[in-house]
């Protein structure tokens, strides 16, 4: 997701993540950070950047997500560890966050006094193409909550198929009334008491190991194709991606409130130029509905009503 932080605006590319809340980017000085392609954000270059003191409102707002008072002085710090073991820590700060617009003459909109994490220690499975994470969850520190009543807790995104979309095609996000998902083909689910996390920041769909074993067996029994082995040793079953793969059985996600029918590119993921595998992975600790399963769906969230909606959409044209 493309955003800018600070004054003047400094461009940042970060992972749009519905599975977490904190907004953070790696900052100078970065004593122990993962390698990123883009330059690091320098808080000293922003006229609107200021660190949050302990017990301040910004510090308290991130208490649920891991904020604490620095033993070195009156500076609020944060620390987050993600499910895959990746972690980030640094200063809690406040600065202006700017979003580019695709359909307005102004070209951008600025949100002052957004609580962010200025990361000085980050490592794990983060891509060098991203400088941090934009939390889109329901907590007080998320971008959606901090954007305030103007969007009414509503946002949506439409992810283009990663392996099939034309080059340089971008996915889109909408906020407020423009994010309402309606019309034919919409399936909606009520959140709050479910058994799976809808996560834009996780690639594969993670399900319990016994469930995956049953699903894989059912899938294999119906697929017409030449069996193969995942070259990365992660996924199964796998098939040769050629003309012998003539039939991929329908897979449906049954949500309380509606069914979501998945297409082949939501179910199979290329692991090499010649091998595709079932895009599901066995994990007993937590279940996650990943972003491969969400490609070419307009996915809309209403945090006030606690609903998520799916509408089949050609996201390359959305």
C-alpha atoms as a PDB file:
ATOM      1  CA  UNK A   1       0.000   0.000   0.000  1.00  0.00           C
ATOM      2  CA  UNK A   2       1.368   3.405  -1.003  1.00  0.00           C
ATOM      3  CA  UNK A   3       1.213   6.079   1.694  1.00  0.00           C
ATOM      4  CA  UNK A   4       3.324   9.044   2.722  1.00  0.00           C
ATOM      5  CA  UNK A   5       4.442  10.006   6.223  1.00  0.00           C
ATOM      6  CA  UNK A   6       5.617  13.366   7.520  1.00  0.00           C
ATOM      7  CA  UNK A   7       5.954  16.949   6.316  1.00  0.00           C
ATOM      8  CA  UNK A   8       7.029  17.152   3.571  1.00  0.00           C
ATOM      9  CA  UNK A   9       5.387  13.812   2.650  1.00  0.00           C
ATOM     10  CA  UNK A  10       7.864  10.926   2.499  1.00  0.00           C
ATOM     11  CA  UNK A  11       6.670   8.005   0.314  1.00  0.00           C
ATOM     12  CA  UNK A  12       6.360   4.627   2.047  1.00  0.00           C
ATOM     13  CA  UNK A  13       5.271   1.271   0.637  1.00  0.00           C
ATOM     14  CA  UNK A  14       3.911  -0.984   3.392  1.00  0.00           C
ATOM     15  CA  UNK A  15       1.889  -4.186   3.704  1.00  0.00           C
ATOM     16  CA  UNK A  16      -1.868  -3.578   4.021  1.00  0.00           C
ATOM     17  CA  UNK A  17      -2.740  -5.963   6.848  1.00  0.00           C
ATOM     18  CA  UNK A  18      -6.256  -6.639   8.124  1.00  0.00           C
ATOM     19  CA  UNK A  19      -4.748  -9.065  10.632  1.00  0.00           C
ATOM     20  CA  UNK A  20      -3.058  -6.380  12.774  1.00  0.00           C
ATOM     21  CA  UNK A  21      -3.573  -2.832  14.009  1.00  0.00           C
ATOM     22  CA  UNK A  22      -0.340  -0.850  14.327  1.00  0.00           C
ATOM     23  CA  UNK A  23       0.929   1.385  11.514  1.00  0.00           C
ATOM     24  CA  UNK A  24       4.731   1.286  11.434  1.00  0.00           C
ATOM     25  CA  UNK A  25       7.662   1.865   9.148  1.00  0.00           C
ATOM     26  CA  UNK A  26      11.398   1.370   9.572  1.00  0.00           C
ATOM     27  CA  UNK A  27      13.141   4.599  10.592  1.00  0.00           C
ATOM     28  CA  UNK A  28      16.583   6.103  10.819  1.00  0.00           C
ATOM     29  CA  UNK A  29      18.630   5.194  12.753  1.00  0.00           C
ATOM     30  CA  UNK A  30      17.932   1.497  12.178  1.00  0.00           C
ATOM     31  CA  UNK A  31      20.467  -0.433  14.202  1.00  0.00           C
ATOM     32  CA  UNK A  32      18.942  -3.875  13.596  1.00  0.00           C
ATOM     33  CA  UNK A  33      16.536  -3.816  10.669  1.00  0.00           C
ATOM     34  CA  UNK A  34      15.789  -6.029   7.696  1.00  0.00           C
ATOM     35  CA  UNK A  35      17.065  -4.813   4.334  1.00  0.00           C
ATOM     36  CA  UNK A  36      14.522  -2.729   2.405  1.00  0.00           C
ATOM     37  CA  UNK A  37      14.767  -1.458  -1.158  1.00  0.00           C
ATOM     38  CA  UNK A  38      13.492   2.073  -0.496  1.00  0.00           C
ATOM     39  CA  UNK A  39      15.230   4.716   1.625  1.00  0.00           C
ATOM     40  CA  UNK A  40      14.462   4.744   5.345  1.00  0.00           C
ATOM     41  CA  UNK A  41      12.122   7.356   6.796  1.00  0.00           C
ATOM     42  CA  UNK A  42      14.104   9.977   8.724  1.00  0.00           C
ATOM     43  CA  UNK A  43      11.953  11.453  11.511  1.00  0.00           C
ATOM     44  CA  UNK A  44      14.330  14.405  11.809  1.00  0.00           C
ATOM     45  CA  UNK A  45      13.313  15.459   8.292  1.00  0.00           C
ATOM     46  CA  UNK A  46       9.611  15.753   9.171  1.00  0.00           C
ATOM     47  CA  UNK A  47       8.350  19.043  10.623  1.00  0.00           C
ATOM     48  CA  UNK A  48       5.265  17.321  12.068  1.00  0.00           C
ATOM     49  CA  UNK A  49       6.926  14.277  13.656  1.00  0.00           C
ATOM     50  CA  UNK A  50       6.993  14.029  17.438  1.00  0.00           C
ATOM     51  CA  UNK A  51       7.540  11.102  19.777  1.00  0.00           C
ATOM     52  CA  UNK A  52       4.800  10.185  22.254  1.00  0.00           C
ATOM     53  CA  UNK A  53       5.536  10.557  25.984  1.00  0.00           C
ATOM     54  CA  UNK A  54       4.651   7.767  28.388  1.00  0.00           C
ATOM     55  CA  UNK A  55       1.023   7.876  29.568  1.00  0.00           C
ATOM     56  CA  UNK A  56       0.095  10.128  26.626  1.00  0.00           C
ATOM     57  CA  UNK A  57      -3.049   9.342  24.635  1.00  0.00           C
ATOM     58  CA  UNK A  58      -1.089   7.939  21.645  1.00  0.00           C
ATOM     59  CA  UNK A  59       0.885   5.665  23.974  1.00  0.00           C
ATOM     60  CA  UNK A  60      -2.228   4.443  25.780  1.00  0.00           C
ATOM     61  CA  UNK A  61      -4.027   3.826  22.472  1.00  0.00           C
ATOM     62  CA  UNK A  62      -1.449   1.173  21.563  1.00  0.00           C
ATOM     63  CA  UNK A  63      -1.376  -0.494  24.985  1.00  0.00           C
ATOM     64  CA  UNK A  64      -3.318  -3.498  23.689  1.00  0.00           C
ATOM     65  CA  UNK A  65      -0.818  -3.888  20.856  1.00  0.00           C
ATOM     66  CA  UNK A  66       2.346  -3.773  22.933  1.00  0.00           C
ATOM     67  CA  UNK A  67       3.273  -0.207  23.893  1.00  0.00           C
ATOM     68  CA  UNK A  68       5.385   0.398  26.999  1.00  0.00           C
ATOM     69  CA  UNK A  69       7.453   3.100  28.665  1.00  0.00           C
ATOM     70  CA  UNK A  70      11.124   3.170  27.755  1.00  0.00           C
ATOM     71  CA  UNK A  71      13.442   2.500  30.694  1.00  0.00           C
ATOM     72  CA  UNK A  72      15.739   5.177  29.241  1.00  0.00           C
ATOM     73  CA  UNK A  73      13.315   8.031  29.715  1.00  0.00           C
ATOM     74  CA  UNK A  74       9.833   9.411  29.109  1.00  0.00           C
ATOM     75  CA  UNK A  75       9.430   7.969  25.607  1.00  0.00           C
ATOM     76  CA  UNK A  76       6.671   5.521  24.685  1.00  0.00           C
ATOM     77  CA  UNK A  77       7.828   2.477  22.749  1.00  0.00           C
ATOM     78  CA  UNK A  78       6.078  -0.382  20.977  1.00  0.00           C
ATOM     79  CA  UNK A  79       6.903  -4.009  20.350  1.00  0.00           C
ATOM     80  CA  UNK A  80       4.953  -6.379  18.097  1.00  0.00           C
ATOM     81  CA  UNK A  81       5.572 -10.033  17.313  1.00  0.00           C
ATOM     82  CA  UNK A  82       3.601 -11.578  14.455  1.00  0.00           C
ATOM     83  CA  UNK A  83       2.356 -15.141  14.114  1.00  0.00           C
ATOM     84  CA  UNK A  84       5.219 -16.172  11.810  1.00  0.00           C
ATOM     85  CA  UNK A  85       7.824 -15.007  14.327  1.00  0.00           C
ATOM     86  CA  UNK A  86       8.604 -11.687  12.638  1.00  0.00           C
ATOM     87  CA  UNK A  87       8.903  -8.752  15.004  1.00  0.00           C
ATOM     88  CA  UNK A  88       9.287  -4.979  15.124  1.00  0.00           C
ATOM     89  CA  UNK A  89       9.977  -2.484  17.893  1.00  0.00           C
ATOM     90  CA  UNK A  90      10.714   1.208  18.178  1.00  0.00           C
ATOM     91  CA  UNK A  91       9.248   4.555  19.225  1.00  0.00           C
ATOM     92  CA  UNK A  92       5.562   5.440  19.335  1.00  0.00           C
ATOM     93  CA  UNK A  93       5.143   8.740  17.513  1.00  0.00           C
ATOM     94  CA  UNK A  94       2.607  11.055  15.903  1.00  0.00           C
ATOM     95  CA  UNK A  95       2.877  12.440  12.379  1.00  0.00           C
ATOM     96  CA  UNK A  96       0.850  13.335   9.298  1.00  0.00           C
ATOM     97  CA  UNK A  97      -0.168  10.432   7.046  1.00  0.00           C
ATOM     98  CA  UNK A  98      -1.065  11.159   3.420  1.00  0.00           C
ATOM     99  CA  UNK A  99      -3.021   8.940   1.027  1.00  0.00           C
ATOM    100  CA  UNK A 100      -3.072   9.365  -2.726  1.00  0.00           C
ATOM    101  CA  UNK A 101      -6.454   9.495  -4.420  1.00  0.00           C
ATOM    102  CA  UNK A 102      -7.393   7.919  -7.744  1.00  0.00           C
ATOM    103  CA  UNK A 103     -10.623   9.802  -8.415  1.00  0.00           C
ATOM    104  CA  UNK A 104     -10.280  13.296  -7.002  1.00  0.00           C
ATOM    105  CA  UNK A 105      -8.883  16.531  -8.373  1.00  0.00           C
ATOM    106  CA  UNK A 106      -6.947  17.130  -5.148  1.00  0.00           C
ATOM    107  CA  UNK A 107      -4.799  14.073  -5.776  1.00  0.00           C
ATOM    108  CA  UNK A 108      -4.247  13.312  -2.091  1.00  0.00           C
ATOM    109  CA  UNK A 109      -5.726  13.685   1.387  1.00  0.00           C
ATOM    110  CA  UNK A 110      -3.697  14.273   4.565  1.00  0.00           C
ATOM    111  CA  UNK A 111      -4.572  12.990   8.035  1.00  0.00           C
ATOM    112  CA  UNK A 112      -2.706  14.873  10.793  1.00  0.00           C
ATOM    113  CA  UNK A 113      -1.768  13.430  14.184  1.00  0.00           C
ATOM    114  CA  UNK A 114      -1.796   9.769  13.178  1.00  0.00           C
ATOM    115  CA  UNK A 115      -0.194   7.433  15.725  1.00  0.00           C
ATOM    116  CA  UNK A 116       2.590   5.409  14.112  1.00  0.00           C
ATOM    117  CA  UNK A 117       5.450   3.179  15.105  1.00  0.00           C
ATOM    118  CA  UNK A 118       8.930   4.339  14.125  1.00  0.00           C
ATOM    119  CA  UNK A 119      10.771   1.032  13.917  1.00  0.00           C
ATOM    120  CA  UNK A 120      14.423   0.726  14.928  1.00  0.00           C
ATOM    121  CA  UNK A 121      14.560  -3.063  15.314  1.00  0.00           C
ATOM    122  CA  UNK A 122      12.683  -5.240  12.816  1.00  0.00           C
ATOM    123  CA  UNK A 123      13.356  -8.671  11.377  1.00  0.00           C
ATOM    124  CA  UNK A 124      11.627 -11.768  10.050  1.00  0.00           C
ATOM    125  CA  UNK A 125       9.893 -12.649   6.812  1.00  0.00           C
ATOM    126  CA  UNK A 126       9.298  -9.059   5.688  1.00  0.00           C
ATOM    127  CA  UNK A 127       9.737  -8.384   1.978  1.00  0.00           C
ATOM    128  CA  UNK A 128      12.450  -5.878   1.019  1.00  0.00           C
ATOM    129  CA  UNK A 129       9.823  -4.216  -1.186  1.00  0.00           C
ATOM    130  CA  UNK A 130       7.929  -3.078   1.924  1.00  0.00           C
ATOM    131  CA  UNK A 131       9.095  -0.673   4.623  1.00  0.00           C
ATOM    132  CA  UNK A 132       6.540  -1.674   7.260  1.00  0.00           C
ATOM    133  CA  UNK A 133       2.903  -2.550   7.868  1.00  0.00           C
ATOM    134  CA  UNK A 134      -0.374  -0.623   7.666  1.00  0.00           C
ATOM    135  CA  UNK A 135      -2.655  -2.181  10.277  1.00  0.00           C
ATOM    136  CA  UNK A 136      -6.268  -2.288   9.054  1.00  0.00           C
ATOM    137  CA  UNK A 137      -7.725  -4.163  12.041  1.00  0.00           C
ATOM    138  CA  UNK A 138     -10.378  -3.058  14.497  1.00  0.00           C
ATOM    139  CA  UNK A 139      -8.131  -1.759  17.293  1.00  0.00           C
ATOM    140  CA  UNK A 140      -7.625   1.898  18.250  1.00  0.00           C
ATOM    141  CA  UNK A 141      -4.231   2.083  16.532  1.00  0.00           C
ATOM    142  CA  UNK A 142      -5.368   0.890  13.090  1.00  0.00           C
ATOM    143  CA  UNK A 143      -5.554   3.186  10.077  1.00  0.00           C
ATOM    144  CA  UNK A 144      -9.312   2.579   9.794  1.00  0.00           C
ATOM    145  CA  UNK A 145      -9.995   3.621  13.393  1.00  0.00           C
ATOM    146  CA  UNK A 146      -7.681   6.629  13.191  1.00  0.00           C
ATOM    147  CA  UNK A 147      -9.278   7.897   9.973  1.00  0.00           C
ATOM    148  CA  UNK A 148     -12.273   8.611  12.190  1.00  0.00           C
ATOM    149  CA  UNK A 149     -16.031   8.988  11.683  1.00  0.00           C
ATOM    150  CA  UNK A 150     -15.641  10.314   8.123  1.00  0.00           C
ATOM    151  CA  UNK A 151     -15.386   6.716   6.845  1.00  0.00           C
ATOM    152  CA  UNK A 152     -17.729   5.116   9.378  1.00  0.00           C
ATOM    153  CA  UNK A 153     -15.498   2.079   9.862  1.00  0.00           C
ATOM    154  CA  UNK A 154     -15.958   1.045   6.219  1.00  0.00           C
ATOM    155  CA  UNK A 155     -13.235   0.050   3.769  1.00  0.00           C
ATOM    156  CA  UNK A 156     -12.806  -2.352   0.899  1.00  0.00           C
ATOM    157  CA  UNK A 157     -10.109  -3.664  -1.398  1.00  0.00           C
ATOM    158  CA  UNK A 158      -9.972  -5.562  -4.660  1.00  0.00           C
ATOM    159  CA  UNK A 159      -6.787  -7.600  -5.143  1.00  0.00           C
ATOM    160  CA  UNK A 160      -5.707  -8.375  -8.685  1.00  0.00           C
ATOM    161  CA  UNK A 161      -4.562 -11.973  -9.252  1.00  0.00           C
ATOM    162  CA  UNK A 162      -0.854 -11.881  -8.448  1.00  0.00           C
ATOM    163  CA  UNK A 163       0.228 -14.403 -11.079  1.00  0.00           C
ATOM    164  CA  UNK A 164      -2.310 -13.620 -13.832  1.00  0.00           C
ATOM    165  CA  UNK A 165      -2.865  -9.857 -13.847  1.00  0.00           C
ATOM    166  CA  UNK A 166      -1.318  -7.650 -16.536  1.00  0.00           C
ATOM    167  CA  UNK A 167       1.998  -6.112 -15.537  1.00  0.00           C
ATOM    168  CA  UNK A 168       1.823  -2.841 -13.567  1.00  0.00           C
ATOM    169  CA  UNK A 169      -1.857  -3.401 -12.661  1.00  0.00           C
ATOM    170  CA  UNK A 170      -2.620  -2.044  -9.188  1.00  0.00           C
ATOM    171  CA  UNK A 171      -5.168  -3.203  -6.654  1.00  0.00           C
ATOM    172  CA  UNK A 172      -7.517  -0.563  -5.267  1.00  0.00           C
ATOM    173  CA  UNK A 173      -8.793   0.424  -1.819  1.00  0.00           C
ATOM    174  CA  UNK A 174     -11.901   2.404  -0.970  1.00  0.00           C
ATOM    175  CA  UNK A 175     -12.987   4.078   2.257  1.00  0.00           C
ATOM    176  CA  UNK A 176     -16.363   5.220   3.602  1.00  0.00           C
ATOM    177  CA  UNK A 177     -19.498   5.003   1.467  1.00  0.00           C
ATOM    178  CA  UNK A 178     -17.429   4.158  -1.614  1.00  0.00           C
ATOM    179  CA  UNK A 179     -16.426   0.964   0.185  1.00  0.00           C
ATOM    180  CA  UNK A 180     -19.943  -0.452   0.549  1.00  0.00           C
ATOM    181  CA  UNK A 181     -20.165  -3.786  -1.291  1.00  0.00           C
ATOM    182  CA  UNK A 182     -23.605  -4.359  -2.814  1.00  0.00           C
ATOM    183  CA  UNK A 183     -25.368  -5.826  -5.846  1.00  0.00           C
ATOM    184  CA  UNK A 184     -25.644  -9.310  -7.290  1.00  0.00           C
ATOM    185  CA  UNK A 185     -23.336 -12.044  -6.047  1.00  0.00           C
ATOM    186  CA  UNK A 186     -22.523 -10.537  -2.640  1.00  0.00           C
ATOM    187  CA  UNK A 187     -21.941 -12.933   0.262  1.00  0.00           C
ATOM    188  CA  UNK A 188     -21.717 -11.454   3.776  1.00  0.00           C
ATOM    189  CA  UNK A 189     -20.557 -12.857   7.075  1.00  0.00           C
ATOM    190  CA  UNK A 190     -21.037 -11.569  10.615  1.00  0.00           C
ATOM    191  CA  UNK A 191     -17.803 -11.291  12.587  1.00  0.00           C
ATOM    192  CA  UNK A 192     -17.075 -11.441  16.276  1.00  0.00           C
ATOM    193  CA  UNK A 193     -17.591 -15.136  16.955  1.00  0.00           C
ATOM    194  CA  UNK A 194     -15.968 -16.868  14.002  1.00  0.00           C
ATOM    195  CA  UNK A 195     -13.238 -19.475  13.661  1.00  0.00           C
ATOM    196  CA  UNK A 196     -10.984 -17.892  11.031  1.00  0.00           C
ATOM    197  CA  UNK A 197      -9.164 -14.565  10.532  1.00  0.00           C
ATOM    198  CA  UNK A 198      -9.702 -12.734   7.218  1.00  0.00           C
ATOM    199  CA  UNK A 199      -6.148 -11.567   6.632  1.00  0.00           C
ATOM    200  CA  UNK A 200      -4.923  -9.490   3.690  1.00  0.00           C
ATOM    201  CA  UNK A 201      -1.366  -9.796   5.007  1.00  0.00           C
ATOM    202  CA  UNK A 202      -1.070 -13.604   4.842  1.00  0.00           C
ATOM    203  CA  UNK A 203      -0.583 -15.345   1.499  1.00  0.00           C
ATOM    204  CA  UNK A 204      -1.800 -18.900   2.055  1.00  0.00           C
ATOM    205  CA  UNK A 205      -5.002 -20.034   3.744  1.00  0.00           C
ATOM    206  CA  UNK A 206      -4.136 -21.769   7.018  1.00  0.00           C
ATOM    207  CA  UNK A 207      -6.453 -24.487   8.367  1.00  0.00           C
ATOM    208  CA  UNK A 208      -6.193 -27.256  11.010  1.00  0.00           C
ATOM    209  CA  UNK A 209      -4.028 -30.180   9.904  1.00  0.00           C
ATOM    210  CA  UNK A 210      -6.791 -32.793  10.170  1.00  0.00           C
ATOM    211  CA  UNK A 211      -9.124 -30.605   8.120  1.00  0.00           C
ATOM    212  CA  UNK A 212      -6.427 -30.096   5.479  1.00  0.00           C
ATOM    213  CA  UNK A 213      -5.842 -33.853   5.237  1.00  0.00           C
ATOM    214  CA  UNK A 214      -9.523 -34.431   4.468  1.00  0.00           C
ATOM    215  CA  UNK A 215      -9.683 -31.525   2.038  1.00  0.00           C
ATOM    216  CA  UNK A 216      -6.513 -32.603   0.209  1.00  0.00           C
ATOM    217  CA  UNK A 217      -7.806 -36.161  -0.186  1.00  0.00           C
ATOM    218  CA  UNK A 218     -11.113 -34.931  -1.579  1.00  0.00           C
ATOM    219  CA  UNK A 219      -9.310 -32.520  -3.894  1.00  0.00           C
ATOM    220  CA  UNK A 220      -6.899 -35.165  -5.195  1.00  0.00           C
ATOM    221  CA  UNK A 221      -9.719 -37.602  -5.874  1.00  0.00           C
ATOM    222  CA  UNK A 222     -11.270 -35.212  -8.387  1.00  0.00           C
ATOM    223  CA  UNK A 223      -8.299 -33.508 -10.055  1.00  0.00           C
ATOM    224  CA  UNK A 224      -7.267 -34.630 -13.519  1.00  0.00           C
ATOM    225  CA  UNK A 225      -3.577 -33.834 -13.772  1.00  0.00           C
ATOM    226  CA  UNK A 226      -0.008 -35.062 -13.467  1.00  0.00           C
ATOM    227  CA  UNK A 227       1.180 -35.184  -9.841  1.00  0.00           C
ATOM    228  CA  UNK A 228       4.305 -33.213  -8.915  1.00  0.00           C
ATOM    229  CA  UNK A 229       6.338 -32.235  -5.856  1.00  0.00           C
ATOM    230  CA  UNK A 230       6.593 -28.728  -4.437  1.00  0.00           C
ATOM    231  CA  UNK A 231      10.181 -27.610  -5.190  1.00  0.00           C
ATOM    232  CA  UNK A 232      10.116 -25.628  -1.936  1.00  0.00           C
ATOM    233  CA  UNK A 233       8.918 -28.622   0.089  1.00  0.00           C
ATOM    234  CA  UNK A 234       6.035 -26.689   1.661  1.00  0.00           C
ATOM    235  CA  UNK A 235       2.727 -27.566  -0.013  1.00  0.00           C
ATOM    236  CA  UNK A 236       0.817 -30.627  -1.158  1.00  0.00           C
ATOM    237  CA  UNK A 237      -0.817 -31.834  -3.346  1.00  0.00           C
ATOM    238  CA  UNK A 238       0.970 -30.379  -6.375  1.00  0.00           C
ATOM    239  CA  UNK A 239       0.548 -30.796 -10.123  1.00  0.00           C
ATOM    240  CA  UNK A 240       2.433 -30.122 -13.330  1.00  0.00           C
ATOM    241  CA  UNK A 241       1.129 -26.861 -14.776  1.00  0.00           C
ATOM    242  CA  UNK A 242       0.486 -28.042 -18.310  1.00  0.00           C
ATOM    243  CA  UNK A 243      -2.346 -29.231 -20.547  1.00  0.00           C
ATOM    244  CA  UNK A 244      -2.823 -32.391 -18.458  1.00  0.00           C
ATOM    245  CA  UNK A 245      -4.319 -30.263 -15.665  1.00  0.00           C
ATOM    246  CA  UNK A 246      -7.729 -30.129 -17.263  1.00  0.00           C
ATOM    247  CA  UNK A 247     -10.046 -29.984 -14.274  1.00  0.00           C
ATOM    248  CA  UNK A 248      -9.830 -28.196 -10.917  1.00  0.00           C
ATOM    249  CA  UNK A 249     -12.777 -29.107  -8.669  1.00  0.00           C
ATOM    250  CA  UNK A 250     -14.890 -26.290  -7.227  1.00  0.00           C
ATOM    251  CA  UNK A 251     -13.915 -25.191  -3.727  1.00  0.00           C
ATOM    252  CA  UNK A 252     -16.381 -23.206  -1.614  1.00  0.00           C
ATOM    253  CA  UNK A 253     -15.769 -21.275   1.605  1.00  0.00           C
ATOM    254  CA  UNK A 254     -18.886 -21.651   3.752  1.00  0.00           C
ATOM    255  CA  UNK A 255     -19.267 -18.566   5.928  1.00  0.00           C
ATOM    256  CA  UNK A 256     -22.085 -17.936   8.342  1.00  0.00           C
ATOM    257  CA  UNK A 257     -24.244 -15.681   6.192  1.00  0.00           C
ATOM    258  CA  UNK A 258     -23.141 -16.864   2.750  1.00  0.00           C
ATOM    259  CA  UNK A 259     -20.977 -19.091   0.588  1.00  0.00           C
ATOM    260  CA  UNK A 260     -17.963 -17.856  -1.385  1.00  0.00           C
ATOM    261  CA  UNK A 261     -17.130 -19.900  -4.488  1.00  0.00           C
ATOM    262  CA  UNK A 262     -13.409 -19.882  -5.228  1.00  0.00           C
ATOM    263  CA  UNK A 263     -11.854 -19.931  -8.697  1.00  0.00           C
ATOM    264  CA  UNK A 264      -8.819 -22.047  -9.663  1.00  0.00           C
ATOM    265  CA  UNK A 265      -6.399 -19.132  -9.072  1.00  0.00           C
ATOM    266  CA  UNK A 266      -7.826 -18.820  -5.520  1.00  0.00           C
ATOM    267  CA  UNK A 267      -7.104 -22.495  -4.887  1.00  0.00           C
ATOM    268  CA  UNK A 268      -3.814 -23.253  -6.683  1.00  0.00           C
ATOM    269  CA  UNK A 269      -0.590 -21.254  -6.343  1.00  0.00           C
ATOM    270  CA  UNK A 270       2.422 -21.463  -8.696  1.00  0.00           C
ATOM    271  CA  UNK A 271       5.497 -22.695  -6.821  1.00  0.00           C
ATOM    272  CA  UNK A 272       7.682 -22.638  -9.957  1.00  0.00           C
ATOM    273  CA  UNK A 273       7.260 -22.111 -13.674  1.00  0.00           C
ATOM    274  CA  UNK A 274       6.018 -25.685 -14.049  1.00  0.00           C
ATOM    275  CA  UNK A 275       4.387 -26.626 -10.713  1.00  0.00           C
ATOM    276  CA  UNK A 276       1.197 -25.478  -8.978  1.00  0.00           C
ATOM    277  CA  UNK A 277       0.097 -26.561  -5.504  1.00  0.00           C
ATOM    278  CA  UNK A 278      -2.985 -26.341  -3.304  1.00  0.00           C
ATOM    279  CA  UNK A 279      -2.761 -22.913  -1.636  1.00  0.00           C
ATOM    280  CA  UNK A 280      -3.704 -24.231   1.803  1.00  0.00           C
ATOM    281  CA  UNK A 281      -1.348 -25.048   4.682  1.00  0.00           C
ATOM    282  CA  UNK A 282      -1.938 -27.041   7.850  1.00  0.00           C
ATOM    283  CA  UNK A 283      -1.627 -25.162  11.151  1.00  0.00           C
ATOM    284  CA  UNK A 284      -3.424 -26.028  14.383  1.00  0.00           C
ATOM    285  CA  UNK A 285      -2.735 -22.811  16.345  1.00  0.00           C
ATOM    286  CA  UNK A 286      -4.817 -20.428  14.223  1.00  0.00           C
ATOM    287  CA  UNK A 287      -6.910 -20.456  11.052  1.00  0.00           C
ATOM    288  CA  UNK A 288      -6.368 -17.683   8.481  1.00  0.00           C
ATOM    289  CA  UNK A 289      -8.167 -16.898   5.233  1.00  0.00           C
ATOM    290  CA  UNK A 290      -5.243 -15.643   3.141  1.00  0.00           C
ATOM    291  CA  UNK A 291      -4.981 -13.229   0.250  1.00  0.00           C
ATOM    292  CA  UNK A 292      -4.707 -15.820  -2.549  1.00  0.00           C
ATOM    293  CA  UNK A 293      -8.265 -16.868  -1.687  1.00  0.00           C
ATOM    294  CA  UNK A 294      -9.317 -13.196  -1.858  1.00  0.00           C
ATOM    295  CA  UNK A 295      -7.964 -12.393  -5.353  1.00  0.00           C
ATOM    296  CA  UNK A 296     -10.566 -10.997  -7.766  1.00  0.00           C
ATOM    297  CA  UNK A 297     -13.070 -10.416  -4.980  1.00  0.00           C
ATOM    298  CA  UNK A 298     -14.260  -7.021  -3.835  1.00  0.00           C
ATOM    299  CA  UNK A 299     -13.848  -7.541  -0.086  1.00  0.00           C
ATOM    300  CA  UNK A 300     -15.675  -5.012   2.082  1.00  0.00           C
ATOM    301  CA  UNK A 301     -15.468  -4.492   5.836  1.00  0.00           C
ATOM    302  CA  UNK A 302     -17.824  -2.630   8.149  1.00  0.00           C
ATOM    303  CA  UNK A 303     -16.170  -2.460  11.569  1.00  0.00           C
ATOM    304  CA  UNK A 304     -19.248  -0.868  13.149  1.00  0.00           C
ATOM    305  CA  UNK A 305     -21.644  -3.573  11.953  1.00  0.00           C
ATOM    306  CA  UNK A 306     -18.936  -6.237  12.296  1.00  0.00           C
ATOM    307  CA  UNK A 307     -19.495  -7.616   8.799  1.00  0.00           C
ATOM    308  CA  UNK A 308     -17.283  -8.672   5.908  1.00  0.00           C
ATOM    309  CA  UNK A 309     -18.632  -9.039   2.374  1.00  0.00           C
ATOM    310  CA  UNK A 310     -17.277 -10.767  -0.741  1.00  0.00           C
ATOM    311  CA  UNK A 311     -18.300  -9.992  -4.316  1.00  0.00           C
ATOM    312  CA  UNK A 312     -16.715 -11.723  -7.340  1.00  0.00           C
ATOM    313  CA  UNK A 313     -15.092  -8.920  -9.349  1.00  0.00           C
ATOM    314  CA  UNK A 314     -12.559  -8.427 -12.117  1.00  0.00           C
ATOM    315  CA  UNK A 315     -10.147  -6.402  -9.996  1.00  0.00           C
ATOM    316  CA  UNK A 316      -8.061  -5.424 -13.023  1.00  0.00           C
ATOM    317  CA  UNK A 317     -11.023  -3.258 -14.088  1.00  0.00           C
ATOM    318  CA  UNK A 318     -12.228  -2.130 -10.678  1.00  0.00           C
END
